[in-house]
C-alpha atoms as a PDB file:
ATOM      1  CA  MET A   1      -3.547 -45.713  65.806  1.00  0.00           C
ATOM      2  CA  ALA A   2      -4.348 -42.013  65.672  1.00  0.00           C
ATOM      3  CA  ILE A   3      -7.900 -40.981  66.487  1.00  0.00           C
ATOM      4  CA  ILE A   4      -9.111 -38.910  63.539  1.00  0.00           C
ATOM      5  CA  LYS A   5     -12.394 -36.999  63.498  1.00  0.00           C
ATOM      6  CA  VAL A   6     -13.833 -35.090  60.552  1.00  0.00           C
ATOM      7  CA  ILE A   7     -15.835 -31.869  60.833  1.00  0.00           C
ATOM      8  CA  ILE A   8     -18.071 -30.966  57.888  1.00  0.00           C
ATOM      9  CA  PRO A   9     -19.989 -27.661  57.916  1.00  0.00           C
ATOM     10  CA  ALA A  10     -23.035 -28.039  55.671  1.00  0.00           C
ATOM     11  CA  TYR A  11     -25.741 -25.676  54.498  1.00  0.00           C
ATOM     12  CA  ASN A  12     -28.396 -27.232  52.250  1.00  0.00           C
ATOM     13  CA  GLU A  13     -26.173 -30.050  50.967  1.00  0.00           C
ATOM     14  CA  GLU A  14     -28.747 -32.853  50.843  1.00  0.00           C
ATOM     15  CA  LYS A  15     -27.665 -33.843  47.318  1.00  0.00           C
ATOM     16  CA  ALA A  16     -23.964 -34.060  48.146  1.00  0.00           C
ATOM     17  CA  ILE A  17     -23.488 -34.918  51.803  1.00  0.00           C
ATOM     18  CA  ALA A  18     -24.046 -38.690  51.558  1.00  0.00           C
ATOM     19  CA  LYS A  19     -21.461 -38.911  48.766  1.00  0.00           C
ATOM     20  CA  VAL A  20     -18.956 -37.003  50.901  1.00  0.00           C
ATOM     21  CA  ILE A  21     -19.509 -39.265  53.902  1.00  0.00           C
ATOM     22  CA  ALA A  22     -19.286 -42.448  51.815  1.00  0.00           C
ATOM     23  CA  ALA A  23     -15.921 -41.393  50.348  1.00  0.00           C
ATOM     24  CA  ILE A  24     -14.255 -40.751  53.719  1.00  0.00           C
ATOM     25  CA  PRO A  25     -11.833 -43.560  54.688  1.00  0.00           C
ATOM     26  CA  LYS A  26     -13.310 -46.079  57.113  1.00  0.00           C
ATOM     27  CA  ASP A  27     -10.511 -45.708  59.667  1.00  0.00           C
ATOM     28  CA  VAL A  28     -11.847 -42.269  60.625  1.00  0.00           C
ATOM     29  CA  SER A  29     -13.267 -42.488  64.149  1.00  0.00           C
ATOM     30  CA  GLU A  30     -16.211 -40.115  63.677  1.00  0.00           C
ATOM     31  CA  ILE A  31     -17.712 -37.901  61.008  1.00  0.00           C
ATOM     32  CA  ILE A  32     -19.417 -34.816  62.412  1.00  0.00           C
ATOM     33  CA  VAL A  33     -21.754 -32.886  60.125  1.00  0.00           C
ATOM     34  CA  ILE A  34     -22.930 -29.495  61.323  1.00  0.00           C
ATOM     35  CA  SER A  35     -26.146 -28.490  59.611  1.00  0.00           C
ATOM     36  CA  ASN A  36     -25.803 -24.714  59.473  1.00  0.00           C
ATOM     37  CA  ASN A  37     -29.470 -23.707  59.536  1.00  0.00           C
ATOM     38  CA  SER A  38     -30.218 -25.931  56.551  1.00  0.00           C
ATOM     39  CA  THR A  39     -33.747 -25.748  55.182  1.00  0.00           C
ATOM     40  CA  ASP A  40     -33.541 -28.991  53.206  1.00  0.00           C
ATOM     41  CA  ASN A  41     -33.003 -32.614  54.255  1.00  0.00           C
ATOM     42  CA  THR A  42     -29.250 -32.331  54.932  1.00  0.00           C
ATOM     43  CA  SER A  43     -29.517 -33.486  58.550  1.00  0.00           C
ATOM     44  CA  ASN A  44     -31.509 -36.651  57.858  1.00  0.00           C
ATOM     45  CA  VAL A  45     -29.423 -37.623  54.855  1.00  0.00           C
ATOM     46  CA  ALA A  46     -26.192 -37.165  56.832  1.00  0.00           C
ATOM     47  CA  LYS A  47     -27.530 -39.114  59.799  1.00  0.00           C
ATOM     48  CA  ASN A  48     -28.688 -41.978  57.599  1.00  0.00           C
ATOM     49  CA  ALA A  49     -25.244 -42.040  55.983  1.00  0.00           C
ATOM     50  CA  GLY A  50     -23.666 -42.670  59.383  1.00  0.00           C
ATOM     51  CA  ALA A  51     -22.571 -39.230  60.543  1.00  0.00           C
ATOM     52  CA  THR A  52     -23.073 -37.538  63.878  1.00  0.00           C
ATOM     53  CA  VAL A  53     -25.279 -34.543  63.091  1.00  0.00           C
ATOM     54  CA  LEU A  54     -25.264 -31.267  65.026  1.00  0.00           C
ATOM     55  CA  ALA A  55     -27.433 -28.201  64.407  1.00  0.00           C
ATOM     56  CA  GLU A  56     -26.132 -24.640  64.363  1.00  0.00           C
ATOM     57  CA  LYS A  57     -28.763 -21.965  63.800  1.00  0.00           C
ATOM     58  CA  LYS A  58     -26.335 -19.050  63.481  1.00  0.00           C
ATOM     59  CA  MET A  59     -25.350 -18.724  59.859  1.00  0.00           C
ATOM     60  CA  GLY A  60     -21.654 -18.784  59.095  1.00  0.00           C
ATOM     61  CA  TYR A  61     -18.886 -21.243  58.244  1.00  0.00           C
ATOM     62  CA  GLY A  62     -17.016 -20.331  61.420  1.00  0.00           C
ATOM     63  CA  TYR A  63     -20.105 -20.766  63.583  1.00  0.00           C
ATOM     64  CA  ALA A  64     -20.507 -24.292  62.214  1.00  0.00           C
ATOM     65  CA  CYS A  65     -16.852 -25.186  62.794  1.00  0.00           C
ATOM     66  CA  LEU A  66     -16.944 -23.800  66.336  1.00  0.00           C
ATOM     67  CA  LYS A  67     -20.025 -25.930  67.019  1.00  0.00           C
ATOM     68  CA  GLY A  68     -18.021 -28.965  65.999  1.00  0.00           C
ATOM     69  CA  LEU A  69     -15.142 -27.991  68.285  1.00  0.00           C
ATOM     70  CA  GLU A  70     -17.536 -27.484  71.186  1.00  0.00           C
ATOM     71  CA  TYR A  71     -18.827 -31.003  70.608  1.00  0.00           C
ATOM     72  CA  LEU A  72     -15.291 -32.428  70.642  1.00  0.00           C
ATOM     73  CA  SER A  73     -14.420 -30.555  73.847  1.00  0.00           C
ATOM     74  CA  ASN A  74     -17.229 -32.361  75.659  1.00  0.00           C
ATOM     75  CA  GLN A  75     -16.080 -35.839  74.650  1.00  0.00           C
ATOM     76  CA  GLU A  76     -14.185 -37.935  77.165  1.00  0.00           C
ATOM     77  CA  ILE A  77     -11.727 -39.270  74.580  1.00  0.00           C
ATOM     78  CA  LYS A  78     -10.287 -36.462  72.483  1.00  0.00           C
ATOM     79  CA  PRO A  79      -9.090 -36.917  68.900  1.00  0.00           C
ATOM     80  CA  ASP A  80      -5.450 -36.730  67.890  1.00  0.00           C
ATOM     81  CA  ILE A  81      -6.243 -35.131  64.535  1.00  0.00           C
ATOM     82  CA  VAL A  82      -9.160 -33.060  63.264  1.00  0.00           C
ATOM     83  CA  VAL A  83      -9.879 -32.858  59.542  1.00  0.00           C
ATOM     84  CA  PHE A  84     -12.061 -30.114  58.064  1.00  0.00           C
ATOM     85  CA  LEU A  85     -13.881 -30.882  54.841  1.00  0.00           C
ATOM     86  CA  ASP A  86     -16.614 -29.188  52.822  1.00  0.00           C
ATOM     87  CA  GLY A  87     -19.982 -30.849  52.346  1.00  0.00           C
ATOM     88  CA  ASP A  88     -20.436 -30.070  48.638  1.00  0.00           C
ATOM     89  CA  PHE A  89     -18.313 -32.959  47.275  1.00  0.00           C
ATOM     90  CA  SER A  90     -15.848 -30.622  45.563  1.00  0.00           C
ATOM     91  CA  ASP A  91     -12.972 -32.214  47.483  1.00  0.00           C
ATOM     92  CA  PHE A  92     -11.905 -35.842  47.193  1.00  0.00           C
ATOM     93  CA  PRO A  93     -12.441 -37.197  50.736  1.00  0.00           C
ATOM     94  CA  GLU A  94     -10.518 -40.370  49.883  1.00  0.00           C
ATOM     95  CA  GLU A  95      -7.359 -38.210  49.842  1.00  0.00           C
ATOM     96  CA  LEU A  96      -7.710 -37.701  53.599  1.00  0.00           C
ATOM     97  CA  ALA A  97      -4.951 -40.253  54.228  1.00  0.00           C
ATOM     98  CA  GLN A  98      -2.509 -38.043  52.324  1.00  0.00           C
ATOM     99  CA  LEU A  99      -3.388 -35.061  54.501  1.00  0.00           C
ATOM    100  CA  VAL A 100      -2.960 -36.780  57.841  1.00  0.00           C
ATOM    101  CA  ALA A 101       0.217 -38.672  56.871  1.00  0.00           C
ATOM    102  CA  PRO A 102       2.640 -35.773  57.594  1.00  0.00           C
ATOM    103  CA  ILE A 103       1.074 -35.328  61.049  1.00  0.00           C
ATOM    104  CA  ILE A 104       1.356 -39.027  61.882  1.00  0.00           C
ATOM    105  CA  ASP A 105       4.712 -39.741  60.244  1.00  0.00           C
ATOM    106  CA  LYS A 106       6.586 -36.442  60.623  1.00  0.00           C
ATOM    107  CA  ASN A 107       4.873 -34.771  63.596  1.00  0.00           C
ATOM    108  CA  ILE A 108       3.763 -31.778  61.474  1.00  0.00           C
ATOM    109  CA  ASP A 109       1.167 -29.613  63.226  1.00  0.00           C
ATOM    110  CA  PHE A 110      -0.957 -28.511  60.271  1.00  0.00           C
ATOM    111  CA  VAL A 111      -1.534 -29.748  56.716  1.00  0.00           C
ATOM    112  CA  ILE A 112      -3.536 -27.972  54.049  1.00  0.00           C
ATOM    113  CA  GLY A 113      -4.796 -29.450  50.809  1.00  0.00           C
ATOM    114  CA  SER A 114      -3.582 -27.171  48.034  1.00  0.00           C
ATOM    115  CA  ARG A 115      -5.830 -26.984  44.977  1.00  0.00           C
ATOM    116  CA  GLY A 116      -3.216 -26.336  42.308  1.00  0.00           C
ATOM    117  CA  ALA A 117      -4.283 -25.316  38.803  1.00  0.00           C
ATOM    118  CA  THR A 118      -3.216 -28.635  37.266  1.00  0.00           C
ATOM    119  CA  LEU A 119      -5.354 -30.633  39.696  1.00  0.00           C
ATOM    120  CA  ARG A 120      -8.496 -28.483  39.534  1.00  0.00           C
ATOM    121  CA  GLU A 121     -11.392 -29.438  37.326  1.00  0.00           C
ATOM    122  CA  ARG A 122     -12.244 -26.678  34.892  1.00  0.00           C
ATOM    123  CA  GLY A 123     -14.781 -24.285  36.411  1.00  0.00           C
ATOM    124  CA  SER A 124     -14.408 -25.684  39.931  1.00  0.00           C
ATOM    125  CA  MET A 125     -13.099 -22.339  41.189  1.00  0.00           C
ATOM    126  CA  THR A 126     -14.460 -19.011  40.001  1.00  0.00           C
ATOM    127  CA  PRO A 127     -12.050 -16.317  38.762  1.00  0.00           C
ATOM    128  CA  GLN A 128     -12.746 -14.308  41.935  1.00  0.00           C
ATOM    129  CA  GLN A 129     -11.856 -17.339  44.074  1.00  0.00           C
ATOM    130  CA  VAL A 130      -8.590 -17.856  42.208  1.00  0.00           C
ATOM    131  CA  PHE A 131      -7.681 -14.179  42.531  1.00  0.00           C
ATOM    132  CA  GLY A 132      -8.737 -14.004  46.173  1.00  0.00           C
ATOM    133  CA  ASN A 133      -6.624 -17.030  47.051  1.00  0.00           C
ATOM    134  CA  TRP A 134      -3.642 -15.608  45.185  1.00  0.00           C
ATOM    135  CA  LEU A 135      -3.963 -12.204  46.865  1.00  0.00           C
ATOM    136  CA  ALA A 136      -4.341 -13.623  50.378  1.00  0.00           C
ATOM    137  CA  CYS A 137      -1.380 -15.975  49.942  1.00  0.00           C
ATOM    138  CA  PHE A 138       0.727 -13.211  48.372  1.00  0.00           C
ATOM    139  CA  LEU A 139       0.046 -10.936  51.345  1.00  0.00           C
ATOM    140  CA  MET A 140       0.848 -13.707  53.819  1.00  0.00           C
ATOM    141  CA  LYS A 141       4.105 -14.372  51.976  1.00  0.00           C
ATOM    142  CA  LEU A 142       4.964 -10.670  51.909  1.00  0.00           C
ATOM    143  CA  LEU A 143       4.063  -9.939  55.524  1.00  0.00           C
ATOM    144  CA  PHE A 144       4.772 -13.250  57.288  1.00  0.00           C
ATOM    145  CA  SER A 145       7.194 -15.106  54.975  1.00  0.00           C
ATOM    146  CA  SER A 146       4.482 -17.709  54.449  1.00  0.00           C
ATOM    147  CA  LYS A 147       4.787 -20.604  52.015  1.00  0.00           C
ATOM    148  CA  PHE A 148       1.025 -21.099  51.684  1.00  0.00           C
ATOM    149  CA  THR A 149      -0.362 -21.188  48.144  1.00  0.00           C
ATOM    150  CA  ASP A 150      -4.040 -21.761  48.961  1.00  0.00           C
ATOM    151  CA  LEU A 151      -6.782 -21.215  51.541  1.00  0.00           C
ATOM    152  CA  GLY A 152      -8.272 -24.606  50.770  1.00  0.00           C
ATOM    153  CA  PRO A 153     -10.999 -25.886  53.126  1.00  0.00           C
ATOM    154  CA  PHE A 154      -9.679 -29.489  53.084  1.00  0.00           C
ATOM    155  CA  ARG A 155      -7.189 -29.443  55.962  1.00  0.00           C
ATOM    156  CA  ALA A 156      -5.891 -31.506  58.865  1.00  0.00           C
ATOM    157  CA  ILE A 157      -4.528 -30.309  62.187  1.00  0.00           C
ATOM    158  CA  LYS A 158      -3.427 -31.780  65.508  1.00  0.00           C
ATOM    159  CA  TYR A 159      -6.258 -31.353  67.986  1.00  0.00           C
ATOM    160  CA  LYS A 160      -3.873 -29.977  70.620  1.00  0.00           C
ATOM    161  CA  THR A 161      -2.595 -27.385  68.142  1.00  0.00           C
ATOM    162  CA  LEU A 162      -6.145 -26.416  67.231  1.00  0.00           C
ATOM    163  CA  LEU A 163      -6.938 -25.731  70.881  1.00  0.00           C
ATOM    164  CA  VAL A 164      -3.902 -23.468  71.222  1.00  0.00           C
ATOM    165  CA  LEU A 165      -5.036 -21.410  68.211  1.00  0.00           C
ATOM    166  CA  GLN A 166      -8.243 -20.400  70.040  1.00  0.00           C
ATOM    167  CA  MET A 167     -10.210 -19.984  66.832  1.00  0.00           C
ATOM    168  CA  GLU A 168     -12.826 -17.250  66.898  1.00  0.00           C
ATOM    169  CA  ASP A 169     -13.973 -16.203  63.412  1.00  0.00           C
ATOM    170  CA  LYS A 170     -17.672 -16.850  62.899  1.00  0.00           C
ATOM    171  CA  THR A 171     -18.035 -16.487  59.151  1.00  0.00           C
ATOM    172  CA  TYR A 172     -15.812 -16.223  56.074  1.00  0.00           C
ATOM    173  CA  GLY A 173     -12.455 -15.705  57.769  1.00  0.00           C
ATOM    174  CA  TRP A 174     -12.125 -19.118  59.443  1.00  0.00           C
ATOM    175  CA  THR A 175      -9.587 -20.608  57.009  1.00  0.00           C
ATOM    176  CA  VAL A 176      -7.273 -17.610  56.822  1.00  0.00           C
ATOM    177  CA  GLU A 177      -7.484 -17.075  60.597  1.00  0.00           C
ATOM    178  CA  MET A 178      -6.217 -20.614  61.134  1.00  0.00           C
ATOM    179  CA  GLN A 179      -3.328 -20.130  58.732  1.00  0.00           C
ATOM    180  CA  LEU A 180      -2.342 -16.773  60.201  1.00  0.00           C
ATOM    181  CA  LYS A 181      -2.302 -18.175  63.718  1.00  0.00           C
ATOM    182  CA  ILE A 182      -0.195 -21.123  62.554  1.00  0.00           C
ATOM    183  CA  LEU A 183       2.304 -18.617  61.130  1.00  0.00           C
ATOM    184  CA  LYS A 184       2.285 -16.231  64.085  1.00  0.00           C
ATOM    185  CA  GLN A 185       2.730 -19.020  66.654  1.00  0.00           C
ATOM    186  CA  ASN A 186       5.438 -20.800  64.640  1.00  0.00           C
ATOM    187  CA  PHE A 187       3.685 -24.133  64.304  1.00  0.00           C
ATOM    188  CA  THR A 188       4.973 -26.472  61.619  1.00  0.00           C
ATOM    189  CA  TYR A 189       2.930 -26.790  58.441  1.00  0.00           C
ATOM    190  CA  ILE A 190       3.019 -28.250  54.978  1.00  0.00           C
ATOM    191  CA  GLU A 191       0.847 -28.259  51.856  1.00  0.00           C
ATOM    192  CA  ILE A 192      -0.204 -31.420  50.031  1.00  0.00           C
ATOM    193  CA  PRO A 193      -1.510 -31.162  46.445  1.00  0.00           C
ATOM    194  CA  VAL A 194      -5.129 -32.316  46.238  1.00  0.00           C
ATOM    195  CA  ARG A 195      -7.634 -32.650  43.434  1.00  0.00           C
ATOM    196  CA  TYR A 196     -10.671 -30.412  43.238  1.00  0.00           C
ATOM    197  CA  LYS A 197     -13.854 -30.757  41.192  1.00  0.00           C
ATOM    198  CA  ASN A 198     -17.052 -28.872  40.483  1.00  0.00           C
ATOM    199  CA  ARG A 199     -19.271 -28.887  43.525  1.00  0.00           C
ATOM    200  CA  ILE A 200     -22.784 -30.306  43.632  1.00  0.00           C
ATOM    201  CA  GLY A 201     -25.195 -27.351  43.747  1.00  0.00           C
ATOM    202  CA  VAL A 202     -24.435 -23.635  43.866  1.00  0.00           C
ATOM    203  CA  SER A 203     -21.821 -22.108  46.146  1.00  0.00           C
ATOM    204  CA  LYS A 204     -23.279 -20.022  48.973  1.00  0.00           C
ATOM    205  CA  VAL A 205     -20.209 -17.757  49.017  1.00  0.00           C
ATOM    206  CA  SER A 206     -18.471 -17.501  45.634  1.00  0.00           C
ATOM    207  CA  GLY A 207     -21.773 -18.099  43.839  1.00  0.00           C
ATOM    208  CA  THR A 208     -23.068 -14.676  44.859  1.00  0.00           C
ATOM    209  CA  ILE A 209     -21.630 -11.161  44.524  1.00  0.00           C
ATOM    210  CA  LYS A 210     -22.460 -10.394  48.147  1.00  0.00           C
ATOM    211  CA  GLY A 211     -20.791 -13.553  49.402  1.00  0.00           C
ATOM    212  CA  THR A 212     -17.673 -12.935  47.340  1.00  0.00           C
ATOM    213  CA  VAL A 213     -17.304  -9.334  48.524  1.00  0.00           C
ATOM    214  CA  LEU A 214     -17.909 -10.157  52.194  1.00  0.00           C
ATOM    215  CA  ALA A 215     -15.493 -13.080  52.086  1.00  0.00           C
ATOM    216  CA  GLY A 216     -12.823 -10.895  50.478  1.00  0.00           C
ATOM    217  CA  ILE A 217     -13.232  -8.147  53.058  1.00  0.00           C
ATOM    218  CA  LYS A 218     -13.073 -10.609  55.958  1.00  0.00           C
ATOM    219  CA  ILE A 219      -9.961 -12.372  54.638  1.00  0.00           C
ATOM    220  CA  ILE A 220      -8.042  -9.145  54.012  1.00  0.00           C
ATOM    221  CA  SER A 221      -9.094  -7.722  57.385  1.00  0.00           C
ATOM    222  CA  TRP A 222      -7.728 -10.790  59.199  1.00  0.00           C
ATOM    223  CA  ILE A 223      -4.398 -10.463  57.400  1.00  0.00           C
ATOM    224  CA  PHE A 224      -3.955  -6.820  58.300  1.00  0.00           C
ATOM    225  CA  LYS A 225      -5.202  -7.404  61.824  1.00  0.00           C
ATOM    226  CA  TYR A 226      -2.360  -9.839  62.383  1.00  0.00           C
ATOM    227  CA  THR A 227       0.152  -7.630  60.615  1.00  0.00           C
ATOM    228  CA  PHE A 228      -0.171  -5.007  63.338  1.00  0.00           C
ATOM    229  CA  LYS A 229      -0.938  -7.300  66.276  1.00  0.00           C
END
């Protein structure tokens, strides 16, 4: 049986994180929540729900994910598959089995959960998120012949593939960096349609003008960086 570990970056998600953890299939080997400088009770709630909890003081989605990878690198038994999942309960964690199936059954390197319009709850993605996703995927298709339709945070990847990617982005560019490196290094990938609902609480990125602008700049800069690399 494949060893699957889940990494969940979380910033002030005390109201959602226990629900996320409870919905993750029980055959997952370990759930790792990285409290990204949370000022609420996220860490205690996650720990009481059964997760391994790490603390990352440096603010940024990428910083939190890298903290999780550092933790995995120090374990004696490494996972076969790593799943990334948000801590706001906007994804459906019970769909994790669908994401890892192509890796287990077909030896695919990377699987992304695609939040198609027909499967999204109304209001779950802001207009700027929808446009930003469309623009990023359009540019990747134009410049790299990509078939990606989304930058969704719910994703699964072989641990060995993840190590080869040598992820480095510290903030908003983590998801697009991963997809660009998958494309540039010719790893196999596939998208699986997943449902998406309104998050619990307010988004720390798309919920603010500053967050939206900074995320957009970072995503576009990664795309053009790889275009000329």
